Protein backbone atom coordinates (compact mmCIF):
# COMPACT_ATOMS: atom_id res chain seq x y z
CA MET A 1 -18.16 0.39 -23.52
CA ASN A 2 -19.00 3.20 -25.96
CA ASN A 3 -16.83 6.25 -26.64
CA SER A 4 -18.49 8.31 -23.91
CA ASP A 5 -17.67 5.60 -21.36
CA LYS A 6 -13.97 5.38 -22.19
CA ILE A 7 -11.66 5.79 -19.22
CA SER A 8 -8.99 8.37 -19.95
CA TRP A 9 -6.39 9.24 -17.31
CA TYR A 10 -3.22 10.51 -18.93
CA PRO A 11 -1.90 13.54 -16.99
CA GLY A 12 0.60 15.85 -18.67
CA HIS A 13 3.58 14.45 -16.76
CA MET A 14 2.89 10.98 -18.24
CA LYS A 15 3.09 12.35 -21.79
CA ARG A 16 6.30 14.23 -20.95
CA ALA A 17 7.74 11.11 -19.31
CA MET A 18 7.12 9.06 -22.46
CA GLU A 19 8.86 11.72 -24.55
CA HIS A 20 11.85 11.77 -22.17
CA LEU A 21 11.86 7.98 -22.07
CA GLU A 22 12.18 7.89 -25.87
CA LYS A 23 15.22 10.17 -25.65
CA ARG A 24 16.90 8.04 -22.97
CA ILE A 25 16.22 4.67 -24.53
CA THR A 26 19.52 4.54 -26.43
CA ASP A 27 21.38 4.83 -23.10
CA VAL A 28 19.89 1.67 -21.60
CA GLN A 29 20.73 -1.95 -22.25
CA LEU A 30 17.69 -3.69 -20.80
CA PHE A 31 14.08 -2.95 -19.90
CA LEU A 32 12.40 -4.18 -16.75
CA GLU A 33 8.67 -4.14 -17.43
CA LEU A 34 6.80 -4.21 -14.15
CA ARG A 35 3.22 -5.49 -13.96
CA ASP A 36 0.82 -6.20 -11.10
CA ALA A 37 0.56 -10.00 -10.77
CA ARG A 38 -3.15 -9.67 -9.93
CA VAL A 39 -3.76 -8.17 -13.39
CA PRO A 40 -0.80 -9.56 -15.39
CA PHE A 41 -2.27 -8.68 -18.80
CA SER A 42 -4.46 -5.68 -17.96
CA SER A 43 -1.43 -3.91 -16.44
CA LYS A 44 0.58 -4.23 -19.66
CA ASN A 45 1.20 -0.93 -21.46
CA TYR A 46 1.59 -1.62 -25.18
CA HIS A 47 3.44 1.70 -25.62
CA PHE A 48 6.45 0.20 -23.84
CA ASP A 49 6.46 -2.81 -26.17
CA ASN A 50 6.31 -0.56 -29.23
CA LEU A 51 9.23 1.49 -27.90
CA MET A 52 11.37 -1.55 -27.10
CA GLN A 53 10.75 -3.17 -30.46
CA ALA A 54 11.46 0.04 -32.36
CA HIS A 55 14.88 0.30 -30.67
CA ASN A 56 15.59 -3.44 -30.59
CA LYS A 57 15.81 -3.58 -26.79
CA GLU A 58 15.37 -6.72 -24.71
CA LYS A 59 13.20 -6.93 -21.60
CA ILE A 60 12.40 -8.91 -18.50
CA ILE A 61 8.77 -8.94 -17.38
CA ILE A 62 8.38 -8.70 -13.60
CA PHE A 63 5.09 -9.82 -12.09
CA ASN A 64 5.20 -7.92 -8.81
CA LYS A 65 2.90 -8.30 -5.79
CA PHE A 66 3.16 -12.08 -6.08
CA ASP A 67 2.13 -12.29 -2.42
CA LEU A 68 -1.32 -10.91 -3.32
CA CYS A 69 -2.23 -12.95 -6.41
CA ASN A 70 -3.31 -16.49 -7.16
CA GLN A 71 0.19 -17.88 -7.40
CA ASP A 72 -0.78 -20.97 -9.40
CA ILE A 73 -2.08 -18.73 -12.20
CA THR A 74 1.05 -16.57 -12.17
CA ASN A 75 3.29 -19.64 -12.37
CA LYS A 76 1.30 -20.94 -15.35
CA ILE A 77 1.66 -17.58 -17.11
CA ILE A 78 5.41 -17.52 -16.49
CA GLU A 79 5.72 -21.06 -17.81
CA LYS A 80 3.82 -20.15 -20.99
CA TYR A 81 5.91 -17.01 -21.55
CA LYS A 82 9.19 -18.85 -21.07
CA LYS A 83 8.16 -21.48 -23.63
CA VAL A 84 8.09 -18.74 -26.27
CA GLY A 85 11.37 -17.21 -25.12
CA ILE A 86 10.06 -14.32 -23.01
CA GLN A 87 12.08 -13.79 -19.83
CA CYS A 88 9.97 -13.16 -16.74
CA ILE A 89 9.96 -13.54 -12.98
CA ALA A 90 7.49 -13.21 -10.10
CA THR A 91 8.47 -10.91 -7.24
CA SER A 92 7.10 -9.43 -4.07
CA ALA A 93 8.96 -6.23 -3.33
CA ARG A 94 7.13 -5.98 -0.02
CA GLU A 95 8.44 -9.40 1.06
CA ARG A 96 11.74 -9.10 -0.87
CA LEU A 97 10.92 -12.25 -2.81
CA ASN A 98 13.16 -13.21 -5.77
CA LEU A 99 15.02 -9.88 -5.89
CA ARG A 100 18.48 -11.50 -5.91
CA GLU A 101 17.23 -13.84 -8.62
CA LEU A 102 16.14 -10.78 -10.60
CA ILE A 103 19.62 -9.26 -10.35
CA MET A 104 21.12 -12.56 -11.51
CA MET A 105 18.78 -12.50 -14.52
CA THR A 106 19.91 -8.99 -15.47
CA ASN A 107 23.56 -10.08 -15.23
CA THR A 108 23.05 -12.42 -18.19
CA TYR A 109 22.61 -9.32 -20.37
CA LYS A 110 26.00 -7.81 -19.41
CA SER A 111 28.03 -6.40 -22.28
CA ALA A 112 31.65 -5.24 -22.64
CA LYS A 113 30.23 -1.97 -23.93
CA PHE A 114 28.95 -1.20 -20.42
CA ALA A 115 31.99 -2.50 -18.48
CA THR A 116 33.26 0.96 -17.45
CA VAL A 117 30.07 2.97 -17.08
CA GLY A 118 28.07 0.05 -15.71
CA MET A 119 24.95 -1.58 -17.06
CA TRP A 120 21.96 0.73 -17.40
CA LEU A 121 18.48 -0.66 -16.94
CA MET A 122 15.16 1.08 -17.31
CA ILE A 123 12.15 0.13 -15.19
CA CYS A 124 8.73 0.98 -16.54
CA GLY A 125 5.12 0.14 -15.82
CA MET A 126 1.70 1.52 -15.06
CA PRO A 127 1.15 3.65 -11.94
CA ASN A 128 1.31 1.92 -8.55
CA VAL A 129 2.65 -1.44 -9.71
CA GLY A 130 5.50 -1.15 -7.19
CA LYS A 131 8.41 0.38 -9.10
CA SER A 132 9.72 2.53 -6.25
CA THR A 133 9.47 -0.32 -3.74
CA ILE A 134 11.33 -2.65 -6.11
CA ILE A 135 14.12 -0.08 -6.58
CA ASN A 136 14.57 0.49 -2.85
CA GLN A 137 14.60 -3.23 -2.14
CA LEU A 138 17.08 -3.90 -4.97
CA ARG A 139 19.43 -1.34 -3.43
CA GLN A 140 19.16 -3.15 -0.11
CA THR A 141 20.55 -6.32 -1.66
CA THR A 142 23.91 -4.47 -1.88
CA PRO A 143 25.33 -3.85 1.66
CA LYS A 144 26.95 -0.46 0.89
CA LEU A 145 23.85 0.88 -0.78
CA ASN A 146 21.66 -0.52 1.98
CA LYS A 147 23.18 1.96 4.45
CA ARG A 148 22.10 4.93 2.37
CA LYS A 149 18.72 6.59 2.41
CA ALA A 150 16.14 5.18 0.01
CA LEU A 151 16.05 7.28 -3.15
CA ALA A 152 12.76 6.20 -4.65
CA LYS A 153 9.65 7.36 -2.84
CA SER A 154 7.06 4.63 -2.32
CA THR A 155 3.38 5.22 -1.50
CA ALA A 156 0.05 3.48 -1.97
CA SER A 157 -1.09 6.13 -4.45
CA PRO A 158 -0.47 6.11 -8.19
CA CYS A 159 1.79 8.75 -9.78
CA THR A 160 4.31 9.32 -6.97
CA THR A 161 7.27 9.44 -9.38
CA LYS A 162 7.00 12.28 -11.90
CA ASN A 163 10.53 12.54 -13.33
CA VAL A 164 12.98 10.23 -15.10
CA ALA A 165 16.11 9.56 -13.01
CA GLY A 166 19.07 7.16 -12.72
CA ILE A 167 19.64 5.26 -9.46
CA LYS A 168 22.57 3.03 -8.56
CA ILE A 169 21.25 -0.39 -7.55
CA CYS A 170 24.35 -2.58 -7.53
CA ASP A 171 28.14 -2.21 -7.08
CA GLU A 172 29.27 -5.59 -8.38
CA PRO A 173 28.49 -5.70 -11.20
CA LEU A 174 28.01 -1.96 -11.49
CA ALA A 175 24.40 -1.30 -12.46
CA TYR A 176 22.13 1.71 -12.62
CA LEU A 177 18.38 1.77 -12.95
CA VAL A 178 16.50 4.54 -14.72
CA ASP A 179 13.26 5.06 -12.81
CA THR A 180 10.28 6.38 -14.74
CA PRO A 181 6.83 7.57 -13.68
CA GLY A 182 3.96 5.15 -13.97
CA VAL A 183 2.44 5.64 -17.40
CA MET A 184 -1.15 4.69 -18.21
CA ILE A 185 -2.40 3.96 -21.72
CA PRO A 186 -4.23 7.09 -22.98
CA ASN A 187 -7.62 5.39 -23.38
CA ILE A 188 -9.09 2.27 -21.81
CA THR A 189 -11.87 1.10 -24.11
CA GLU A 190 -12.86 -2.04 -22.21
CA GLU A 191 -14.81 -1.43 -19.01
CA GLU A 192 -13.53 -4.64 -17.43
CA GLN A 193 -9.90 -3.57 -17.83
CA GLY A 194 -10.72 -0.23 -16.23
CA LEU A 195 -12.39 -1.93 -13.26
CA LYS A 196 -9.43 -4.26 -12.77
CA LEU A 197 -6.90 -1.42 -12.91
CA GLY A 198 -9.04 0.63 -10.54
CA LEU A 199 -9.25 -2.23 -8.05
CA VAL A 200 -5.47 -2.71 -7.84
CA GLY A 201 -4.86 1.04 -7.61
CA CYS A 202 -3.31 1.72 -11.03
CA ILE A 203 -6.06 4.28 -11.63
CA LYS A 204 -7.17 6.78 -9.01
CA ASP A 205 -10.46 5.95 -7.31
CA LYS A 206 -12.11 9.14 -8.53
CA ILE A 207 -11.68 7.97 -12.15
CA VAL A 208 -13.56 4.66 -11.78
CA THR A 209 -16.83 4.33 -9.82
CA LYS A 210 -16.14 2.57 -6.52
CA GLU A 211 -19.55 0.89 -6.45
CA ARG A 212 -18.91 -0.71 -9.85
CA MET A 213 -15.45 -1.83 -8.76
CA LEU A 214 -16.87 -3.46 -5.63
CA ASP A 215 -19.63 -5.19 -7.57
CA TYR A 216 -17.09 -6.54 -10.05
CA LEU A 217 -14.80 -7.71 -7.24
CA VAL A 218 -17.58 -9.63 -5.47
CA ARG A 219 -18.60 -11.26 -8.74
CA GLU A 220 -15.02 -12.38 -9.43
CA MET A 221 -14.48 -13.68 -5.91
CA ASN A 222 -17.72 -15.65 -6.10
CA GLN A 223 -16.77 -17.12 -9.47
CA GLN A 224 -13.44 -18.22 -8.00
CA GLN A 225 -15.24 -19.77 -5.01
CA MET A 226 -13.40 -17.58 -2.49
CA GLU A 227 -14.69 -17.50 1.08
CA LYS A 228 -12.17 -15.48 3.04
CA TYR A 229 -13.44 -12.15 1.70
CA TYR A 230 -16.74 -12.38 3.60
CA LYS A 231 -15.78 -14.67 6.48
CA ILE A 232 -13.01 -12.32 7.59
CA TYR A 233 -15.69 -9.72 8.35
CA GLY A 234 -17.79 -12.19 10.33
CA LEU A 235 -20.38 -12.78 7.60
CA ASN A 236 -21.95 -16.22 7.38
CA GLN A 237 -23.35 -15.99 3.86
CA ARG A 238 -21.71 -15.33 0.53
CA PRO A 239 -23.03 -11.97 -0.76
CA LYS A 240 -24.45 -11.96 -4.29
CA THR A 241 -23.58 -8.35 -5.15
CA GLY A 242 -21.25 -5.56 -4.10
CA GLY A 243 -24.17 -3.65 -2.64
CA GLU A 244 -25.23 -6.59 -0.49
CA TYR A 245 -21.63 -7.07 0.68
CA MET A 246 -21.23 -3.39 1.51
CA LEU A 247 -24.47 -3.24 3.52
CA ALA A 248 -23.54 -6.34 5.53
CA VAL A 249 -20.06 -5.03 6.34
CA ARG A 250 -21.43 -1.59 7.19
CA GLU A 251 -23.91 -3.07 9.65
CA ARG A 252 -21.24 -5.33 11.13
CA TYR A 253 -18.79 -2.47 11.74
CA ASN A 254 -21.27 0.34 12.40
CA HIS A 255 -19.78 2.59 9.74
CA TYR A 256 -21.12 6.12 9.42
CA ASN A 257 -21.82 5.99 5.67
CA TYR A 258 -21.61 3.85 2.54
CA GLU A 259 -18.44 5.46 1.19
CA THR A 260 -16.53 4.71 4.39
CA THR A 261 -17.51 1.05 4.09
CA ILE A 262 -16.56 0.81 0.41
CA ASP A 263 -13.16 2.39 1.10
CA PHE A 264 -12.69 -0.01 4.02
CA ILE A 265 -13.38 -3.02 1.78
CA LEU A 266 -11.30 -1.81 -1.18
CA ASN A 267 -8.33 -1.02 1.06
CA GLY A 268 -8.67 -4.48 2.60
CA PHE A 269 -8.57 -6.04 -0.85
CA ARG A 270 -5.52 -4.04 -1.94
CA ILE A 271 -3.41 -5.21 0.99
CA GLY A 272 -4.46 -8.84 0.58
CA LYS A 273 -6.78 -9.04 3.58
CA LEU A 274 -9.64 -10.54 1.55
CA GLY A 275 -7.57 -13.35 0.04
CA ASN A 276 -5.27 -13.89 -2.92
CA ILE A 277 -6.86 -13.43 -6.33
CA THR A 278 -5.85 -12.92 -9.96
CA LEU A 279 -8.41 -10.97 -11.97
CA ASP A 280 -6.96 -11.86 -15.40
CA SER A 281 -7.18 -15.43 -16.65
CA VAL A 282 -4.47 -17.49 -18.35
CA GLU A 283 -6.78 -17.75 -21.38
CA LEU A 284 -6.00 -14.10 -22.20
CA LEU A 285 -2.61 -15.34 -23.41
CA ASN A 286 -4.25 -17.20 -26.30
């Protein structure tokens, strides 16, 4: 990808959020870095790492949307990370998987310094990796908080949260979570990373060409010998390209135009209808 092809999506509120985040970092004890388990490396924002290291803060990596990925790959990644002392866990906020285990992990970082005011955590990640859903589900693990209205708004679109706020997530032990907007890296220089982030919804569809995303998705699903993605739409043959796949699905469902069909397929992928897949490989760890 040359300079003219670089993907840049860094709205003003993301820059302001990073500046505010830098001011609040001394108030927090632990970072929760949220990534999409389907793109466990591509959804890493190196800015967060730089910030944590500069202020000597510890972190737990959360691979969310575990219900949508290739779980064998995620488990291998977690195993490799833990061998080098990096704390991480796989979750599915949608299915409330491993949320109590996550709270137990954060408890190991308790300090007498935070005994009165409670432990303060900060959750950060790229747009649409599931931060708001995680927060609301964490609150529901505490009965008293469960009765109150959800405080973090959750949608399928990136950039729902635009301010930095503190939310109580646990009574015993007392714990607060600082929610932050999803922050993208300023420039994506590798086309493949941009396509992956576009597919999982970290980048708005208008930023990355849908046709290229679909073509990349079909190629990856074919390489991983997946069948569900075409059989679920009643197709008997494995399509070779995104265009071939789109035309077959359009004819099958009598869609009015190409864009409707592409949106139909991409939305199906994002909710897991086409099968579980991880677009990053374990080899990216090396």
